[in-house]
Protein backbone atom coordinates (compact mmCIF):
# COMPACT_ATOMS: atom_id res chain seq x y z
CA MET A 1 12.95 14.34 -14.54
CA SER A 2 10.89 17.08 -16.09
CA SER A 3 10.12 20.23 -14.14
CA SER A 4 6.39 19.71 -14.74
CA TYR A 5 6.56 16.22 -13.25
CA LEU A 6 8.39 17.52 -10.20
CA ARG A 7 5.77 20.21 -9.71
CA ILE A 8 3.00 17.61 -9.85
CA LEU A 9 4.90 15.35 -7.46
CA ALA A 10 5.58 18.15 -5.03
CA ALA A 11 1.91 19.01 -4.97
CA LEU A 12 0.97 15.39 -4.29
CA LEU A 13 3.44 15.07 -1.46
CA ALA A 14 2.26 18.31 0.05
CA ALA A 15 -1.32 17.11 -0.07
CA SER A 16 -0.65 13.65 1.36
CA ALA A 17 2.58 13.16 3.27
CA LEU A 18 2.41 16.57 4.91
CA ALA A 19 -1.33 17.07 4.91
CA PRO A 20 -2.50 20.03 7.03
CA LEU A 21 -5.46 20.02 9.36
CA ALA A 22 -7.68 21.43 6.65
CA ALA A 23 -7.51 17.98 5.05
CA CYS A 24 -9.53 16.61 7.99
CA SER A 25 -12.97 17.38 6.60
CA GLY A 26 -16.48 16.25 7.44
CA THR A 27 -19.30 17.92 9.29
CA SER A 28 -22.00 15.33 9.92
CA ALA A 29 -22.39 13.86 13.39
CA THR A 30 -21.18 10.39 14.27
CA ASP A 31 -23.77 7.69 14.82
CA GLY A 32 -22.03 5.82 17.61
CA SER A 33 -21.29 2.77 15.47
CA SER A 34 -19.70 -0.19 17.21
CA GLU A 35 -15.97 -0.70 16.87
CA ASP A 36 -16.57 -4.43 16.50
CA GLU A 37 -16.01 -6.13 13.18
CA LEU A 38 -19.39 -5.80 11.45
CA ARG A 39 -20.05 -7.87 8.38
CA HIS A 40 -22.43 -6.96 5.62
CA LYS A 41 -22.43 -9.83 3.16
CA LYS A 42 -24.05 -9.47 -0.22
CA ASP A 43 -25.29 -12.54 -2.04
CA ALA A 44 -23.64 -12.93 -5.42
CA GLY A 45 -27.02 -13.33 -7.07
CA ALA A 46 -28.72 -10.35 -5.46
CA LYS A 47 -29.88 -7.40 -7.51
CA ASP A 48 -27.70 -4.32 -7.43
CA SER A 49 -27.59 -0.83 -8.82
CA GLY A 50 -25.60 -1.60 -11.92
CA PRO A 51 -24.42 -4.37 -14.24
CA ARG A 52 -21.44 -6.64 -13.65
CA ASP A 53 -19.29 -7.51 -16.64
CA SER A 54 -17.93 -11.07 -16.66
CA GLY A 55 -16.18 -10.39 -19.99
CA GLY A 56 22.58 -2.31 13.16
CA GLN A 57 20.93 -3.83 16.29
CA ASP A 58 17.43 -2.97 17.07
CA ALA A 59 16.29 -2.87 20.67
CA ALA A 60 12.85 -4.35 21.25
CA MET A 61 10.50 -2.17 23.30
CA PRO A 62 7.31 -4.10 24.22
CA ASP A 63 4.11 -2.12 24.42
CA ALA A 64 0.93 -3.56 25.84
CA THR A 65 -2.18 -3.20 23.72
CA SER A 66 -5.67 -4.41 24.52
CA ASN A 67 -7.45 -6.59 22.00
CA ASP A 68 -10.42 -5.21 20.15
CA ALA A 69 -13.78 -6.90 20.45
CA ALA A 70 -14.55 -9.25 17.58
CA THR A 71 -17.29 -11.32 16.08
CA PRO A 72 -17.02 -14.95 14.92
CA ASP A 73 -15.68 -15.42 11.43
CA ALA A 74 -16.84 -18.08 9.03
CA GLY A 75 -13.52 -18.32 7.18
CA PRO A 76 -10.47 -20.48 7.95
CA ALA A 77 -9.12 -18.28 10.75
CA ALA A 78 -6.63 -20.85 11.98
CA ALA A 79 -3.96 -19.57 9.61
CA LEU A 80 -4.22 -16.00 10.94
CA PRO A 81 -1.82 -14.66 13.58
CA ALA A 82 -3.08 -14.59 17.16
CA CYS A 83 -4.58 -11.40 18.59
CA ASP A 84 -2.34 -11.72 21.64
CA GLY A 85 -1.54 -8.06 22.24
CA SER A 86 2.18 -8.48 21.47
CA GLU A 87 3.97 -5.87 19.39
CA THR A 88 7.33 -5.14 17.86
CA VAL A 89 8.60 -1.65 18.63
CA THR A 90 12.17 -0.97 17.55
CA TYR A 91 14.04 2.28 17.21
CA GLY A 92 17.55 0.90 16.82
CA PRO A 93 20.35 2.26 14.64
CA MET A 94 21.17 0.85 11.22
CA ALA A 95 24.51 0.01 9.64
CA THR A 96 24.28 3.27 7.72
CA PRO A 97 22.03 6.14 8.81
CA VAL A 98 19.37 6.96 6.25
CA ASP A 99 19.14 10.63 5.35
CA ALA A 100 15.42 10.90 4.64
CA THR A 101 15.86 14.35 3.10
CA ARG A 102 17.53 12.64 0.14
CA TYR A 103 14.15 11.21 -0.79
CA GLY A 104 12.18 14.46 -0.85
CA THR A 105 11.16 13.93 -4.50
CA TYR A 106 11.74 10.17 -4.50
CA GLU A 107 8.18 9.01 -4.86
CA ILE A 108 8.38 5.24 -4.65
CA GLY A 109 10.86 4.98 -1.79
CA PRO A 110 14.14 3.12 -1.38
CA LEU A 111 12.83 -0.25 -0.09
CA MET A 112 13.15 -3.62 -1.83
CA LEU A 113 11.56 -6.25 0.43
CA GLY A 114 11.81 -10.02 0.20
CA ALA A 115 11.01 -12.66 2.86
CA ASP A 116 12.78 -11.37 6.01
CA HIS A 117 15.24 -9.12 4.13
CA ALA A 118 14.83 -5.38 3.71
CA HIS A 119 17.14 -3.85 1.13
CA VAL A 120 17.50 -0.09 1.33
CA PHE A 121 18.88 1.84 -1.64
CA LEU A 122 21.05 4.59 -0.18
CA GLU A 123 20.39 7.37 -2.66
CA GLY A 124 23.43 9.25 -3.94
CA THR A 125 26.00 6.91 -2.38
CA GLY A 126 26.24 4.03 -4.86
CA MET A 127 25.50 1.71 -1.92
CA TRP A 128 22.64 -0.37 -0.63
CA MET A 129 21.93 -1.90 2.76
CA ASP A 130 20.61 -5.36 3.58
CA ALA A 131 18.74 -5.43 6.91
CA GLN A 132 17.55 -8.67 8.44
CA ARG A 133 15.88 -8.87 11.82
CA GLY A 134 18.14 -6.58 13.82
CA SER A 135 21.36 -6.75 11.82
CA ALA A 136 22.40 -4.87 8.70
CA ARG A 137 25.31 -4.53 6.31
CA THR A 138 26.06 -2.17 3.44
CA GLN A 139 27.72 -2.89 0.13
CA LEU A 140 28.21 -1.44 -3.32
CA LEU A 141 25.28 -1.54 -5.71
CA PRO A 142 25.62 -4.26 -8.37
CA ALA A 143 27.33 -3.17 -11.57
CA SER A 144 24.24 -3.99 -13.64
CA LEU A 145 22.44 -1.06 -12.00
CA GLY A 146 25.03 1.21 -13.61
CA GLY A 147 25.23 3.87 -10.93
CA GLY A 148 21.49 4.38 -11.16
CA THR A 149 19.56 6.82 -9.02
CA GLU A 150 16.01 6.80 -7.65
CA LEU A 151 16.00 3.01 -7.61
CA ALA A 152 12.48 1.71 -7.04
CA ALA A 153 11.47 -1.92 -6.55
CA TYR A 154 8.14 -3.48 -7.58
CA ARG A 155 7.07 -6.95 -6.48
CA SER A 156 4.52 -8.63 -8.73
CA LEU A 157 1.71 -11.11 -8.08
CA SER A 158 3.80 -13.52 -10.15
CA GLY A 159 6.28 -13.61 -7.28
CA ARG A 160 8.99 -11.83 -9.26
CA THR A 161 10.57 -8.45 -8.51
CA GLY A 162 11.56 -5.71 -10.93
CA VAL A 163 13.58 -2.57 -10.32
CA ALA A 164 13.37 0.70 -12.23
CA PHE A 165 15.98 3.42 -12.00
CA ILE A 166 17.34 6.48 -13.74
CA ALA A 167 20.65 6.21 -15.58
CA GLY A 168 21.64 9.50 -17.17
CA ALA A 169 18.64 10.66 -19.18
CA LYS A 170 17.11 7.18 -19.43
CA VAL A 171 14.77 5.15 -17.27
CA MET A 172 15.98 1.56 -17.07
CA ALA A 173 14.47 -1.66 -15.69
CA ALA A 174 16.00 -4.89 -14.42
CA VAL A 175 14.77 -8.14 -12.88
CA TYR A 176 15.92 -9.23 -9.42
CA ASP A 177 15.88 -12.98 -8.70
CA GLY A 178 16.54 -12.71 -4.99
CA VAL A 179 20.30 -12.88 -5.41
CA THR A 180 21.37 -11.00 -8.52
CA PHE A 181 20.01 -8.43 -10.98
CA GLY A 182 19.58 -9.25 -14.65
CA ALA A 183 20.77 -7.05 -17.48
CA ALA A 184 19.06 -3.66 -17.49
CA ILE A 185 16.82 -2.74 -20.43
CA GLU A 186 15.81 0.72 -21.55
CA THR A 187 12.17 1.66 -21.06
CA PRO A 188 10.04 4.16 -23.02
CA CYS A 189 9.52 6.19 -19.81
CA THR A 190 10.76 9.75 -19.59
CA SER A 191 10.50 9.97 -15.80
CA LEU A 192 10.04 7.62 -12.88
CA GLY A 193 7.13 7.32 -10.45
CA SER A 194 3.62 5.89 -10.19
CA LEU A 195 2.26 8.88 -12.14
CA ALA A 196 4.59 8.22 -15.04
CA CYS A 197 6.27 4.82 -14.98
CA ASP A 198 6.37 1.58 -13.02
CA VAL A 199 7.44 -2.02 -13.61
CA ARG A 200 6.13 -5.56 -13.09
CA VAL A 201 7.65 -8.95 -13.93
CA ALA A 202 5.90 -12.08 -15.23
CA ALA A 203 6.64 -15.51 -13.78
CA ASP A 204 9.00 -16.38 -16.64
CA GLY A 205 11.03 -13.22 -16.01
CA HIS A 206 9.89 -10.99 -18.85
CA VAL A 207 9.18 -7.36 -17.99
CA TRP A 208 6.02 -5.27 -18.19
CA VAL A 209 6.26 -1.48 -18.04
CA ARG A 210 3.49 1.07 -17.69
CA ALA A 211 4.57 4.36 -19.21
CA SER A 212 1.93 7.00 -18.60
CA SER A 213 -1.26 5.39 -19.95
CA ASN A 214 0.37 2.72 -22.15
CA PHE A 215 1.51 -0.80 -21.30
CA TYR A 216 4.68 -2.33 -22.77
CA GLU A 217 5.65 -6.00 -22.73
CA GLN A 218 9.16 -7.32 -23.21
CA GLY A 219 9.45 -9.29 -26.43
CA ALA A 220 12.24 -10.71 -28.58
CA THR A 221 13.32 -7.28 -29.80
CA GLY A 222 12.65 -5.20 -26.70
CA LEU A 223 9.61 -3.63 -25.11
CA GLU A 224 6.55 -3.78 -27.38
CA ASN A 225 3.63 -1.37 -27.00
CA ARG A 226 0.44 -3.20 -26.00
CA GLY A 227 -1.60 0.00 -26.02
CA GLY A 228 -3.45 1.83 -23.32
CA GLY A 229 -5.51 0.26 -20.59
CA PRO A 230 -9.31 0.58 -20.51
CA VAL A 231 -9.09 3.02 -17.58
CA GLY A 232 -6.36 5.01 -15.91
CA PRO A 233 -5.01 2.46 -13.43
CA SER A 234 -5.14 3.22 -9.74
CA GLN A 235 -3.33 -0.08 -9.31
CA TRP A 236 -2.09 -2.83 -11.60
CA ASP A 237 -0.16 -6.09 -11.49
CA VAL A 238 0.91 -9.19 -13.43
CA THR A 239 -0.23 -12.61 -12.23
CA ALA A 240 1.65 -15.92 -12.21
CA ALA A 241 -0.32 -16.86 -15.35
CA GLY A 242 0.98 -13.75 -17.12
CA ASP A 243 -2.30 -11.83 -17.07
CA VAL A 244 -2.32 -8.08 -16.45
CA ILE A 245 -4.88 -6.85 -13.89
CA VAL A 246 -5.93 -3.21 -13.62
CA LEU A 247 -8.02 -1.55 -10.92
CA GLY A 248 -9.36 1.84 -11.90
CA PRO A 249 -12.33 4.20 -11.95
CA GLY A 250 -15.67 2.56 -12.66
CA ASP A 251 -18.66 3.63 -14.70
CA THR A 252 -20.38 6.03 -12.31
CA GLN A 253 -23.61 5.96 -14.34
CA SER A 254 -23.83 2.23 -13.58
CA GLY A 255 -23.07 2.78 -9.91
CA GLU A 256 -19.51 1.52 -10.16
CA LEU A 257 -17.03 2.84 -7.60
CA LEU A 258 -14.17 0.75 -8.99
CA ALA A 259 -13.76 -1.49 -12.04
CA ILE A 260 -11.48 -4.51 -12.42
CA TRP A 261 -10.05 -5.29 -15.84
CA ARG A 262 -7.89 -8.16 -17.09
CA LEU A 263 -5.66 -8.55 -20.14
CA ALA A 264 -5.21 -12.31 -20.38
CA ARG A 265 -1.83 -13.50 -21.60
CA GLY A 266 -1.86 -13.59 -25.38
CA ALA A 267 -5.30 -11.96 -25.61
CA GLY A 268 -5.99 -9.15 -28.04
CA GLY A 269 -8.11 -7.03 -25.72
CA TRP A 270 -9.21 -6.31 -22.17
CA SER A 271 -12.15 -7.88 -20.31
CA LYS A 272 -13.95 -6.36 -17.34
CA THR A 273 -13.92 -9.05 -14.65
CA GLY A 274 -15.65 -7.29 -11.78
CA ALA A 275 -16.60 -4.05 -10.07
CA LEU A 276 -17.28 -2.54 -6.68
CA LEU A 277 -20.76 -1.03 -6.74
CA SER A 278 -22.32 1.63 -4.55
CA SER A 279 -24.84 -1.02 -3.49
CA ASP A 280 -21.98 -3.12 -2.10
CA VAL A 281 -21.26 -0.43 0.50
CA ALA A 282 -24.84 0.76 1.05
CA ALA A 283 -25.05 -0.86 4.48
CA VAL A 284 -21.87 0.77 5.81
CA ALA A 285 -21.84 4.12 3.97
CA PRO A 286 -24.30 5.85 6.36
CA SER A 287 -21.91 5.28 9.27
CA ILE A 288 -19.08 7.17 7.55
CA GLU A 289 -18.96 10.94 7.94
CA GLY A 290 -19.00 12.48 4.47
CA GLY A 291 -19.97 9.15 2.90
CA PHE A 292 -17.94 6.26 1.52
CA GLN A 293 -14.76 6.97 -0.44
CA LEU A 294 -12.03 4.57 -1.46
CA GLY A 295 -8.74 5.47 0.18
CA SER A 296 -5.28 5.22 -1.31
CA ASN A 297 -1.68 5.58 -0.29
CA GLU A 298 0.58 8.26 -1.73
CA LEU A 299 1.31 6.02 -4.74
CA GLY A 300 -2.35 5.63 -5.61
CA ALA A 301 -2.78 2.02 -4.43
CA VAL A 302 -6.30 1.40 -3.10
CA GLY A 303 -5.54 -1.92 -1.41
CA ALA A 304 -3.95 -5.29 -2.10
CA LEU A 305 -4.29 -8.10 -4.63
CA ALA A 306 -3.60 -11.64 -3.42
CA GLN A 307 -2.24 -14.58 -5.39
CA ASP A 308 -5.48 -16.53 -4.89
CA GLY A 309 -7.28 -13.86 -6.94
CA SER A 310 -8.93 -12.12 -4.00
CA ILE A 311 -9.14 -8.32 -3.88
CA HIS A 312 -8.79 -6.23 -0.72
CA LEU A 313 -9.80 -2.56 -0.53
CA PHE A 314 -9.92 0.11 2.19
CA SER A 315 -12.03 3.21 2.56
CA ASP A 316 -10.45 6.60 3.15
CA ALA A 317 -8.49 6.84 6.41
CA ARG A 318 -8.69 10.39 7.71
CA CYS A 319 -9.47 12.37 10.80
CA ILE A 320 -12.48 14.68 11.15
CA GLY A 321 -12.49 18.43 11.72
CA GLN A 322 -9.27 19.70 13.32
CA GLY A 323 -8.12 16.30 14.46
CA ASP A 324 -11.29 15.95 16.56
CA ARG A 325 -11.84 12.24 15.94
CA ASN A 326 -11.22 9.49 13.44
CA LYS A 327 -13.36 8.82 10.42
CA THR A 328 -15.02 5.38 10.39
CA GLN A 329 -13.00 3.05 8.16
CA VAL A 330 -14.26 0.10 6.16
CA TYR A 331 -12.35 -2.87 4.78
CA LEU A 332 -13.78 -4.70 1.74
CA ARG A 333 -12.81 -8.06 0.33
CA SER A 334 -13.92 -10.18 -2.61
CA ARG A 335 -12.88 -13.57 -3.92
CA ASP A 336 -13.74 -12.72 -7.51
CA GLY A 337 -14.55 -9.00 -7.89
CA HIS A 338 -18.32 -9.69 -7.90
CA ALA A 339 -19.51 -10.52 -4.37
CA TRP A 340 -18.08 -8.20 -1.70
CA GLU A 341 -17.94 -8.33 2.07
CA ALA A 342 -17.78 -4.96 3.87
CA ILE A 343 -16.26 -4.97 7.36
CA THR A 344 -16.25 -1.94 9.65
CA LEU A 345 -12.81 -1.67 11.21
CA PRO A 346 -12.24 -0.89 14.89
CA ASP A 347 -11.91 2.81 15.62
CA ALA A 348 -8.43 3.80 14.50
CA GLY A 349 -7.70 5.31 17.90
CA SER A 350 -7.87 1.84 19.47
CA LEU A 351 -5.07 0.73 17.12
CA THR A 352 -2.84 3.82 17.31
CA ASP A 353 -2.47 4.79 21.01
CA ALA A 354 -5.59 6.98 20.80
CA GLN A 355 -4.11 9.00 17.95
CA VAL A 356 -5.78 10.43 14.85
CA THR A 357 -5.13 8.93 11.44
CA TRP A 358 -3.91 10.65 8.28
CA ARG A 359 -3.82 7.87 5.69
CA ASN A 360 -2.94 4.22 5.10
CA THR A 361 0.51 3.86 3.56
CA ALA A 362 0.91 0.18 2.63
CA PHE A 363 -1.25 -2.92 2.04
CA TRP A 364 -0.64 -6.68 1.85
CA ALA A 365 -2.81 -9.76 1.45
CA ALA A 366 -1.73 -13.39 1.67
CA ASP A 367 -5.10 -14.70 0.51
CA TYR A 368 -8.81 -14.04 1.06
CA ASP A 369 -8.44 -14.23 4.85
CA GLY A 370 -5.01 -12.80 5.61
CA VAL A 371 -4.60 -9.04 5.22
CA ARG A 372 -2.40 -6.33 6.76
CA TYR A 373 -2.01 -2.60 6.36
CA VAL A 374 0.04 0.30 7.71
CA ALA A 375 -1.78 3.33 9.12
CA MET A 376 -0.06 6.67 9.65
CA SER A 377 -1.23 8.52 12.76
CA SER A 378 -0.24 11.23 15.20
CA PRO A 379 -1.42 12.80 18.46
CA LYS A 380 -3.98 15.54 17.88
CA PRO A 381 -2.31 18.77 16.69
CA THR A 382 -2.60 21.67 19.11
CA PHE A 383 -3.35 25.37 18.65
CA ASP A 384 -1.99 28.02 21.03
CA GLY A 385 -4.19 30.81 19.72
CA PHE A 386 -1.66 31.86 17.11
CA ASN A 387 -0.01 28.81 15.57
CA TRP A 388 -0.69 25.12 15.09
CA SER A 389 1.80 22.65 16.54
CA TYR A 390 2.10 19.36 14.65
CA PRO A 391 3.45 16.40 16.66
CA ASP A 392 5.56 13.49 15.51
CA ARG A 393 3.80 10.97 13.32
CA GLN A 394 3.73 7.20 13.75
CA TYR A 395 3.47 4.11 11.57
CA ASN A 396 1.11 1.39 12.86
CA VAL A 397 1.11 -2.12 11.35
CA VAL A 398 -2.36 -3.64 11.68
CA ALA A 399 -3.16 -7.29 10.95
CA ARG A 400 -6.35 -9.30 10.70
CA CYS A 401 -5.92 -11.81 13.50
CA ARG A 402 -7.55 -14.64 15.46
CA ALA A 403 -8.55 -14.54 19.13
CA ASP A 404 -8.39 -17.56 21.44
CA ASP A 405 -12.12 -18.17 21.01
CA GLY A 406 -11.74 -18.32 17.24
CA SER A 407 -13.26 -14.91 16.55
CA VAL A 408 -11.49 -12.56 14.14
CA SER A 409 -10.66 -8.88 14.44
CA PHE A 410 -7.84 -6.45 13.71
CA ALA A 411 -4.95 -5.65 16.05
CA ARG A 412 -1.70 -3.70 15.85
CA ILE A 413 1.43 -5.84 15.64
CA ALA A 414 4.10 -3.14 15.29
CA LYS A 415 4.67 0.60 15.41
CA SER A 416 7.49 3.02 14.66
CA ARG A 417 7.84 6.75 15.22
CA LEU A 418 8.54 9.31 12.52
CA PRO A 419 10.48 12.06 14.30
CA GLY A 420 9.16 15.46 13.29
CA TRP A 421 6.03 16.32 11.34
CA THR A 422 7.93 16.81 8.08
CA GLU A 423 10.08 13.70 8.45
CA ARG A 424 9.91 11.44 5.41
CA GLY A 425 9.39 7.76 6.07
CA PHE A 426 8.62 4.61 4.11
CA SER A 427 6.67 1.43 4.76
CA GLY A 428 5.98 -1.80 2.93
CA PHE A 429 5.50 -5.57 3.13
CA SER A 430 7.49 -8.50 1.82
CA GLU A 431 5.73 -11.39 0.09
CA THR A 432 5.57 -13.21 3.45
CA GLY A 433 3.80 -10.30 5.15
CA GLN A 434 6.79 -9.00 7.07
CA ALA A 435 6.38 -5.26 7.51
CA THR A 436 9.27 -2.84 7.20
CA LEU A 437 9.08 0.70 8.55
CA LEU A 438 11.93 3.07 7.73
CA SER A 439 12.92 6.52 8.96
CA ARG A 440 16.16 8.18 9.98
CA SER A 441 15.54 6.85 13.51
CA GLY A 442 15.95 3.30 12.34
CA LEU A 443 14.36 0.35 10.61
CA THR A 444 11.59 -1.76 12.14
CA GLN A 445 10.77 -5.24 10.83
CA ALA A 446 7.78 -7.16 12.14
CA LEU A 447 6.17 -10.42 11.04
């Protein structure tokens, strides 16, 4: 990896994973908004401010949590999990301890998640671990990965999984079918990470690679350059139909906060298929200190894409001042990228043991109704007059869920501690929505 890339990466990690109190900014007063789920629906035909373009063993430790108040939901809530206050809290050992310091410059993280399995690439050992609901075993990495380092897995909307890794001076990619890895192919990437290179796989198994600003598709003779995307992607994916979807910066002069673009399979150019407009958040923006901003995890993802075509976004998750309180957070969803529903989330403190939040770290959506995310939080840092003391951080898995009366809200379903303020941890979801939280203390899996 180049020294310039490492410097950029180090700066990003310093600004996000180990963000200091100064990152909690905002000076305006709160307005006492309700913590209930507030809906602000916008009719698809209403006027707006800009144009839309169609073109080991884990020991369970139960922890009681009160349910948040909710409002009735018009969608099919029956498929959502129950808001029953139950949680999974596990701190058990793993078959092989994970030395988180090995991943100090390992941007993507060592997790490859599928159904109820969590594979962990054990950097520098030539081994990987398969954890499944309280048991784990380690084994040698498959030969097709060629002693690779910085292995990073990417699950696509198509349902397929690709892995990128460094082998010598090359960045390679391979397809994982749930049992074995296919033959590795060389990519045009010069370094690995969401800033430089990532991988997706189409339903038929052929590979897509984004190298810097260009997209490459696997053809008969190797990876073929399909050119640059219309915008620098904050997030991208490949659908089951073979289309490439990109979420990126919108046209600010047209009031766009985010634009959605699609490169249909076999098409010669990109089409804008939707946008999030400032008018879509006009009803909720005044309740947010500092105004509305899209949030992202440390890899740049702004939310989740579901296989039914729905799009799920989250506003910035931060605390205010010196850990004084949590910033109001908003969840947005759209079936088609045109009509958006903005939902004010419960105060983050009610989902995190009265802690303050630092950022969301992972997102998942089953469909338009089912969504989950992981919020990183901690107790409020303290100041003794000379030095700040930063407490341990915590991962909180939050799910949209259904109460007994049919109303819908958000509730925490799992949590896991990150020992030490500088401790590196990782989180993610499998395609079934099972969350995995990883630190040197152990591995938590929760469905």
